[in-house]
Amino acid sequence: MAYKKPMPVLIDEKVNYLKNNIQSVLRMGFIYRNCLNCIEWDEGKEECKRFKSRPPATIIVYSCPQWSQAVSDDDIPF
């Protein structure tokens, strides 16, 4: 039997929209901890303010032990 290359998985536009919204809700609700919702993350420079460097991709996605969220009025930027 000859090898038959599998067809690529095509993600429907509606499924992709739903996936992006779920990821956004989890990220902004602090359920899913990562660099993007850490108080130490600098959006403009795309780096960690605590360590003054850009973390590896796995740390950006999965977080690190030093992850922290805003807990006082001084941390709120408005």
PDB file of N, CA and C in Angstrom:
ATOM      1  N   MET A   1       0.837  -1.163   0.000  1.00  0.00           N
ATOM      2  CA  MET A   1       0.000   0.000   0.000  1.00  0.00           C
ATOM      3  C   MET A   1       0.891   1.238   0.000  1.00  0.00           C
ATOM      4  N   ALA A   2       0.669   2.122  -0.908  1.00  0.00           N
ATOM      5  CA  ALA A   2       1.466   3.338  -1.048  1.00  0.00           C
ATOM      6  C   ALA A   2       1.027   4.388  -0.027  1.00  0.00           C
ATOM      7  N   TYR A   3       2.003   5.194   0.402  1.00  0.00           N
ATOM      8  CA  TYR A   3       1.708   6.270   1.345  1.00  0.00           C
ATOM      9  C   TYR A   3       0.861   7.334   0.670  1.00  0.00           C
ATOM     10  N   LYS A   4      -0.169   7.741   1.340  1.00  0.00           N
ATOM     11  CA  LYS A   4      -1.047   8.785   0.823  1.00  0.00           C
ATOM     12  C   LYS A   4      -0.981   9.970   1.787  1.00  0.00           C
ATOM     13  N   LYS A   5      -0.492  11.106   1.307  1.00  0.00           N
ATOM     14  CA  LYS A   5      -0.335  12.291   2.137  1.00  0.00           C
ATOM     15  C   LYS A   5      -1.714  12.773   2.600  1.00  0.00           C
ATOM     16  N   PRO A   6      -1.871  13.033   3.911  1.00  0.00           N
ATOM     17  CA  PRO A   6      -3.178  13.472   4.407  1.00  0.00           C
ATOM     18  C   PRO A   6      -3.521  14.885   3.936  1.00  0.00           C
ATOM     19  N   MET A   7      -4.797  15.150   3.854  1.00  0.00           N
ATOM     20  CA  MET A   7      -5.268  16.480   3.460  1.00  0.00           C
ATOM     21  C   MET A   7      -5.063  17.428   4.646  1.00  0.00           C
ATOM     22  N   PRO A   8      -4.718  18.687   4.378  1.00  0.00           N
ATOM     23  CA  PRO A   8      -4.562  19.635   5.487  1.00  0.00           C
ATOM     24  C   PRO A   8      -5.904  19.914   6.156  1.00  0.00           C
ATOM     25  N   VAL A   9      -5.855  20.191   7.457  1.00  0.00           N
ATOM     26  CA  VAL A   9      -7.065  20.515   8.191  1.00  0.00           C
ATOM     27  C   VAL A   9      -7.400  21.980   7.924  1.00  0.00           C
ATOM     28  N   LEU A  10      -8.546  22.217   7.368  1.00  0.00           N
ATOM     29  CA  LEU A  10      -8.979  23.582   7.084  1.00  0.00           C
ATOM     30  C   LEU A  10      -9.929  24.033   8.191  1.00  0.00           C
ATOM     31  N   ILE A  11      -9.589  25.155   8.808  1.00  0.00           N
ATOM     32  CA  ILE A  11     -10.425  25.669   9.886  1.00  0.00           C
ATOM     33  C   ILE A  11     -11.439  26.629   9.298  1.00  0.00           C
ATOM     34  N   ASP A  12     -12.682  26.341   9.541  1.00  0.00           N
ATOM     35  CA  ASP A  12     -13.785  27.169   9.081  1.00  0.00           C
ATOM     36  C   ASP A  12     -13.654  28.573   9.690  1.00  0.00           C
ATOM     37  N   GLU A  13     -14.098  29.587   8.975  1.00  0.00           N
ATOM     38  CA  GLU A  13     -14.017  30.973   9.441  1.00  0.00           C
ATOM     39  C   GLU A  13     -14.765  31.157  10.766  1.00  0.00           C
ATOM     40  N   LYS A  14     -15.917  30.519  10.910  1.00  0.00           N
ATOM     41  CA  LYS A  14     -16.701  30.635  12.145  1.00  0.00           C
ATOM     42  C   LYS A  14     -15.985  29.968  13.319  1.00  0.00           C
ATOM     43  N   VAL A  15     -15.362  28.830  13.069  1.00  0.00           N
ATOM     44  CA  VAL A  15     -14.618  28.129  14.114  1.00  0.00           C
ATOM     45  C   VAL A  15     -13.418  28.966  14.548  1.00  0.00           C
ATOM     46  N   ASN A  16     -12.733  29.561  13.596  1.00  0.00           N
ATOM     47  CA  ASN A  16     -11.580  30.397  13.902  1.00  0.00           C
ATOM     48  C   ASN A  16     -12.010  31.622  14.721  1.00  0.00           C
ATOM     49  N   TYR A  17     -13.132  32.241  14.377  1.00  0.00           N
ATOM     50  CA  TYR A  17     -13.670  33.392  15.110  1.00  0.00           C
ATOM     51  C   TYR A  17     -13.981  32.988  16.557  1.00  0.00           C
ATOM     52  N   LEU A  18     -14.624  31.847  16.731  1.00  0.00           N
ATOM     53  CA  LEU A  18     -14.976  31.347  18.053  1.00  0.00           C
ATOM     54  C   LEU A  18     -13.718  31.053  18.872  1.00  0.00           C
ATOM     55  N   LYS A  19     -12.743  30.416  18.262  1.00  0.00           N
ATOM     56  CA  LYS A  19     -11.480  30.091  18.934  1.00  0.00           C
ATOM     57  C   LYS A  19     -10.783  31.360  19.421  1.00  0.00           C
ATOM     58  N   ASN A  20     -10.727  32.378  18.574  1.00  0.00           N
ATOM     59  CA  ASN A  20     -10.077  33.637  18.951  1.00  0.00           C
ATOM     60  C   ASN A  20     -10.803  34.324  20.100  1.00  0.00           C
ATOM     61  N   ASN A  21     -12.133  34.290  20.091  1.00  0.00           N
ATOM     62  CA  ASN A  21     -12.895  34.912  21.171  1.00  0.00           C
ATOM     63  C   ASN A  21     -12.724  34.164  22.484  1.00  0.00           C
ATOM     64  N   ILE A  22     -12.708  32.851  22.435  1.00  0.00           N
ATOM     65  CA  ILE A  22     -12.501  32.062  23.659  1.00  0.00           C
ATOM     66  C   ILE A  22     -11.125  32.348  24.235  1.00  0.00           C
ATOM     67  N   GLN A  23     -10.111  32.386  23.389  1.00  0.00           N
ATOM     68  CA  GLN A  23      -8.763  32.680  23.857  1.00  0.00           C
ATOM     69  C   GLN A  23      -8.696  34.064  24.487  1.00  0.00           C
ATOM     70  N   SER A  24      -9.360  35.029  23.889  1.00  0.00           N
ATOM     71  CA  SER A  24      -9.361  36.399  24.416  1.00  0.00           C
ATOM     72  C   SER A  24     -10.029  36.467  25.779  1.00  0.00           C
ATOM     73  N   VAL A  25     -11.171  35.812  25.945  1.00  0.00           N
ATOM     74  CA  VAL A  25     -11.883  35.808  27.226  1.00  0.00           C
ATOM     75  C   VAL A  25     -11.034  35.142  28.303  1.00  0.00           C
ATOM     76  N   LEU A  26     -10.413  34.024  27.988  1.00  0.00           N
ATOM     77  CA  LEU A  26      -9.571  33.332  28.962  1.00  0.00           C
ATOM     78  C   LEU A  26      -8.369  34.172  29.355  1.00  0.00           C
ATOM     79  N   ARG A  27      -7.789  34.848  28.374  1.00  0.00           N
ATOM     80  CA  ARG A  27      -6.610  35.678  28.645  1.00  0.00           C
ATOM     81  C   ARG A  27      -6.972  36.880  29.495  1.00  0.00           C
ATOM     82  N   MET A  28      -8.018  37.599  29.147  1.00  0.00           N
ATOM     83  CA  MET A  28      -8.380  38.812  29.862  1.00  0.00           C
ATOM     84  C   MET A  28      -9.042  38.528  31.207  1.00  0.00           C
ATOM     85  N   GLY A  29      -9.568  37.346  31.395  1.00  0.00           N
ATOM     86  CA  GLY A  29     -10.170  36.980  32.670  1.00  0.00           C
ATOM     87  C   GLY A  29      -9.183  36.390  33.650  1.00  0.00           C
ATOM     88  N   PHE A  30      -7.913  36.375  33.301  1.00  0.00           N
ATOM     89  CA  PHE A  30      -6.836  35.840  34.119  1.00  0.00           C
ATOM     90  C   PHE A  30      -7.006  34.353  34.412  1.00  0.00           C
ATOM     91  N   ILE A  31      -7.853  33.674  33.648  1.00  0.00           N
ATOM     92  CA  ILE A  31      -7.978  32.228  33.775  1.00  0.00           C
ATOM     93  C   ILE A  31      -6.761  31.582  33.116  1.00  0.00           C
ATOM     94  N   TYR A  32      -6.389  32.149  31.985  1.00  0.00           N
ATOM     95  CA  TYR A  32      -5.252  31.654  31.223  1.00  0.00           C
ATOM     96  C   TYR A  32      -4.108  32.634  31.440  1.00  0.00           C
ATOM     97  N   ARG A  33      -3.161  32.302  32.299  1.00  0.00           N
ATOM     98  CA  ARG A  33      -2.067  33.206  32.626  1.00  0.00           C
ATOM     99  C   ARG A  33      -0.980  33.140  31.570  1.00  0.00           C
ATOM    100  N   ASN A  34      -0.601  34.298  31.063  1.00  0.00           N
ATOM    101  CA  ASN A  34       0.504  34.384  30.119  1.00  0.00           C
ATOM    102  C   ASN A  34       1.092  35.783  30.176  1.00  0.00           C
ATOM    103  N   CYS A  35       2.088  36.053  29.380  1.00  0.00           N
ATOM    104  CA  CYS A  35       2.737  37.363  29.411  1.00  0.00           C
ATOM    105  C   CYS A  35       1.780  38.489  29.023  1.00  0.00           C
ATOM    106  N   LEU A  36       0.834  38.215  28.145  1.00  0.00           N
ATOM    107  CA  LEU A  36      -0.042  39.276  27.664  1.00  0.00           C
ATOM    108  C   LEU A  36      -0.956  39.852  28.737  1.00  0.00           C
ATOM    109  N   ASN A  37      -1.242  39.112  29.813  1.00  0.00           N
ATOM    110  CA  ASN A  37      -2.061  39.676  30.879  1.00  0.00           C
ATOM    111  C   ASN A  37      -1.282  39.827  32.190  1.00  0.00           C
ATOM    112  N   CYS A  38       0.024  39.814  32.119  1.00  0.00           N
ATOM    113  CA  CYS A  38       0.881  40.037  33.284  1.00  0.00           C
ATOM    114  C   CYS A  38       1.142  41.535  33.420  1.00  0.00           C
ATOM    115  N   ILE A  39       1.162  42.031  34.650  1.00  0.00           N
ATOM    116  CA  ILE A  39       1.402  43.453  34.896  1.00  0.00           C
ATOM    117  C   ILE A  39       2.809  43.867  34.455  1.00  0.00           C
ATOM    118  N   GLU A  40       3.724  42.922  34.372  1.00  0.00           N
ATOM    119  CA  GLU A  40       5.112  43.215  33.990  1.00  0.00           C
ATOM    120  C   GLU A  40       5.322  43.285  32.475  1.00  0.00           C
ATOM    121  N   TRP A  41       4.308  42.951  31.659  1.00  0.00           N
ATOM    122  CA  TRP A  41       4.467  42.907  30.206  1.00  0.00           C
ATOM    123  C   TRP A  41       4.349  44.300  29.608  1.00  0.00           C
ATOM    124  N   ASP A  42       5.299  44.697  28.774  1.00  0.00           N
ATOM    125  CA  ASP A  42       5.291  45.977  28.071  1.00  0.00           C
ATOM    126  C   ASP A  42       4.805  45.730  26.651  1.00  0.00           C
ATOM    127  N   GLU A  43       3.554  46.144  26.358  1.00  0.00           N
ATOM    128  CA  GLU A  43       2.947  45.904  25.045  1.00  0.00           C
ATOM    129  C   GLU A  43       3.743  46.565  23.921  1.00  0.00           C
ATOM    130  N   GLY A  44       4.196  47.792  24.138  1.00  0.00           N
ATOM    131  CA  GLY A  44       4.902  48.530  23.095  1.00  0.00           C
ATOM    132  C   GLY A  44       6.218  47.895  22.687  1.00  0.00           C
ATOM    133  N   LYS A  45       7.016  47.537  23.677  1.00  0.00           N
ATOM    134  CA  LYS A  45       8.321  46.933  23.404  1.00  0.00           C
ATOM    135  C   LYS A  45       8.254  45.427  23.240  1.00  0.00           C
ATOM    136  N   GLU A  46       7.115  44.840  23.626  1.00  0.00           N
ATOM    137  CA  GLU A  46       6.939  43.387  23.623  1.00  0.00           C
ATOM    138  C   GLU A  46       8.058  42.699  24.393  1.00  0.00           C
ATOM    139  N   GLU A  47       8.216  43.148  25.658  1.00  0.00           N
ATOM    140  CA  GLU A  47       9.214  42.544  26.532  1.00  0.00           C
ATOM    141  C   GLU A  47       8.753  42.607  27.985  1.00  0.00           C
ATOM    142  N   CYS A  48       9.387  41.832  28.822  1.00  0.00           N
ATOM    143  CA  CYS A  48       9.093  41.795  30.245  1.00  0.00           C
ATOM    144  C   CYS A  48       9.810  42.961  30.926  1.00  0.00           C
ATOM    145  N   LYS A  49       9.043  43.785  31.648  1.00  0.00           N
ATOM    146  CA  LYS A  49       9.644  44.930  32.344  1.00  0.00           C
ATOM    147  C   LYS A  49      10.517  44.475  33.506  1.00  0.00           C
ATOM    148  N   ARG A  50      10.155  43.365  34.122  1.00  0.00           N
ATOM    149  CA  ARG A  50      10.921  42.868  35.279  1.00  0.00           C
ATOM    150  C   ARG A  50      12.331  42.441  34.875  1.00  0.00           C
ATOM    151  N   PHE A  51      12.430  41.736  33.745  1.00  0.00           N
ATOM    152  CA  PHE A  51      13.731  41.221  33.312  1.00  0.00           C
ATOM    153  C   PHE A  51      14.324  41.996  32.143  1.00  0.00           C
ATOM    154  N   LYS A  52      13.588  43.000  31.642  1.00  0.00           N
ATOM    155  CA  LYS A  52      14.045  43.877  30.558  1.00  0.00           C
ATOM    156  C   LYS A  52      14.535  43.098  29.331  1.00  0.00           C
ATOM    157  N   SER A  53      13.780  42.066  28.985  1.00  0.00           N
ATOM    158  CA  SER A  53      14.090  41.292  27.782  1.00  0.00           C
ATOM    159  C   SER A  53      12.836  40.556  27.316  1.00  0.00           C
ATOM    160  N   ARG A  54      12.894  40.069  26.083  1.00  0.00           N
ATOM    161  CA  ARG A  54      11.773  39.312  25.535  1.00  0.00           C
ATOM    162  C   ARG A  54      11.945  37.846  25.919  1.00  0.00           C
ATOM    163  N   PRO A  55      10.936  37.270  26.597  1.00  0.00           N
ATOM    164  CA  PRO A  55      11.047  35.874  27.001  1.00  0.00           C
ATOM    165  C   PRO A  55      10.921  34.913  25.817  1.00  0.00           C
ATOM    166  N   PRO A  56      11.341  33.663  25.989  1.00  0.00           N
ATOM    167  CA  PRO A  56      11.149  32.657  24.942  1.00  0.00           C
ATOM    168  C   PRO A  56       9.652  32.442  24.684  1.00  0.00           C
ATOM    169  N   ALA A  57       9.315  31.926  23.526  1.00  0.00           N
ATOM    170  CA  ALA A  57       7.919  31.725  23.124  1.00  0.00           C
ATOM    171  C   ALA A  57       7.151  30.862  24.123  1.00  0.00           C
ATOM    172  N   THR A  58       7.773  29.828  24.658  1.00  0.00           N
ATOM    173  CA  THR A  58       7.062  28.962  25.603  1.00  0.00           C
ATOM    174  C   THR A  58       6.680  29.719  26.872  1.00  0.00           C
ATOM    175  N   ILE A  59       7.518  30.630  27.323  1.00  0.00           N
ATOM    176  CA  ILE A  59       7.201  31.429  28.506  1.00  0.00           C
ATOM    177  C   ILE A  59       6.090  32.416  28.188  1.00  0.00           C
ATOM    178  N   ILE A  60       6.121  33.041  27.016  1.00  0.00           N
ATOM    179  CA  ILE A  60       5.068  33.982  26.627  1.00  0.00           C
ATOM    180  C   ILE A  60       3.716  33.279  26.617  1.00  0.00           C
ATOM    181  N   VAL A  61       3.669  32.080  26.119  1.00  0.00           N
ATOM    182  CA  VAL A  61       2.410  31.342  26.004  1.00  0.00           C
ATOM    183  C   VAL A  61       1.979  30.738  27.337  1.00  0.00           C
ATOM    184  N   TYR A  62       2.897  30.085  28.055  1.00  0.00           N
ATOM    185  CA  TYR A  62       2.525  29.320  29.242  1.00  0.00           C
ATOM    186  C   TYR A  62       2.754  30.034  30.565  1.00  0.00           C
ATOM    187  N   SER A  63       3.365  31.211  30.572  1.00  0.00           N
ATOM    188  CA  SER A  63       3.610  32.010  31.768  1.00  0.00           C
ATOM    189  C   SER A  63       4.892  31.586  32.465  1.00  0.00           C
ATOM    190  N   CYS A  64       5.185  32.291  33.552  1.00  0.00           N
ATOM    191  CA  CYS A  64       6.361  31.983  34.352  1.00  0.00           C
ATOM    192  C   CYS A  64       6.000  32.111  35.828  1.00  0.00           C
ATOM    193  N   PRO A  65       6.851  31.649  36.737  1.00  0.00           N
ATOM    194  CA  PRO A  65       6.535  31.719  38.168  1.00  0.00           C
ATOM    195  C   PRO A  65       6.373  33.156  38.686  1.00  0.00           C
ATOM    196  N   GLN A  66       6.938  34.130  37.983  1.00  0.00           N
ATOM    197  CA  GLN A  66       6.852  35.519  38.426  1.00  0.00           C
ATOM    198  C   GLN A  66       5.627  36.252  37.883  1.00  0.00           C
ATOM    199  N   TRP A  67       4.689  35.548  37.254  1.00  0.00           N
ATOM    200  CA  TRP A  67       3.492  36.174  36.696  1.00  0.00           C
ATOM    201  C   TRP A  67       2.728  36.899  37.802  1.00  0.00           C
ATOM    202  N   SER A  68       2.234  38.097  37.507  1.00  0.00           N
ATOM    203  CA  SER A  68       1.434  38.825  38.497  1.00  0.00           C
ATOM    204  C   SER A  68       0.390  39.680  37.797  1.00  0.00           C
ATOM    205  N   GLN A  69      -0.736  39.889  38.459  1.00  0.00           N
ATOM    206  CA  GLN A  69      -1.783  40.732  37.915  1.00  0.00           C
ATOM    207  C   GLN A  69      -1.890  41.985  38.771  1.00  0.00           C
ATOM    208  N   ALA A  70      -2.554  43.016  38.246  1.00  0.00           N
ATOM    209  CA  ALA A  70      -2.733  44.254  38.992  1.00  0.00           C
ATOM    210  C   ALA A  70      -3.569  43.971  40.228  1.00  0.00           C
ATOM    211  N   VAL A  71      -3.080  44.363  41.384  1.00  0.00           N
ATOM    212  CA  VAL A  71      -3.816  44.081  42.620  1.00  0.00           C
ATOM    213  C   VAL A  71      -4.129  45.337  43.433  1.00  0.00           C
ATOM    214  N   SER A  72      -3.588  46.485  43.058  1.00  0.00           N
ATOM    215  CA  SER A  72      -3.883  47.709  43.795  1.00  0.00           C
ATOM    216  C   SER A  72      -4.283  48.820  42.838  1.00  0.00           C
ATOM    217  N   ASP A  73      -4.815  49.892  43.370  1.00  0.00           N
ATOM    218  CA  ASP A  73      -5.230  51.026  42.533  1.00  0.00           C
ATOM    219  C   ASP A  73      -4.040  51.655  41.809  1.00  0.00           C
ATOM    220  N   ASP A  74      -2.841  51.541  42.367  1.00  0.00           N
ATOM    221  CA  ASP A  74      -1.659  52.117  41.736  1.00  0.00           C
ATOM    222  C   ASP A  74      -1.295  51.401  40.448  1.00  0.00           C
ATOM    223  N   ASP A  75      -1.698  50.135  40.312  1.00  0.00           N
ATOM    224  CA  ASP A  75      -1.361  49.346  39.130  1.00  0.00           C
ATOM    225  C   ASP A  75      -2.311  49.589  37.960  1.00  0.00           C
ATOM    226  N   ILE A  76      -3.470  50.187  38.212  1.00  0.00           N
ATOM    227  CA  ILE A  76      -4.449  50.416  37.154  1.00  0.00           C
ATOM    228  C   ILE A  76      -4.025  51.633  36.336  1.00  0.00           C
ATOM    229  N   PRO A  77      -3.879  51.501  35.026  1.00  0.00           N
ATOM    230  CA  PRO A  77      -3.310  52.572  34.214  1.00  0.00           C
ATOM    231  C   PRO A  77      -4.280  53.700  33.843  1.00  0.00           C
ATOM    232  N   PHE A  78      -5.399  53.849  34.540  1.00  0.00           N
ATOM    233  CA  PHE A  78      -6.312  54.967  34.229  1.00  0.00           C
ATOM    234  C   PHE A  78      -6.803  55.629  35.504  1.00  0.00           C
TER     235      PHE A  78
END
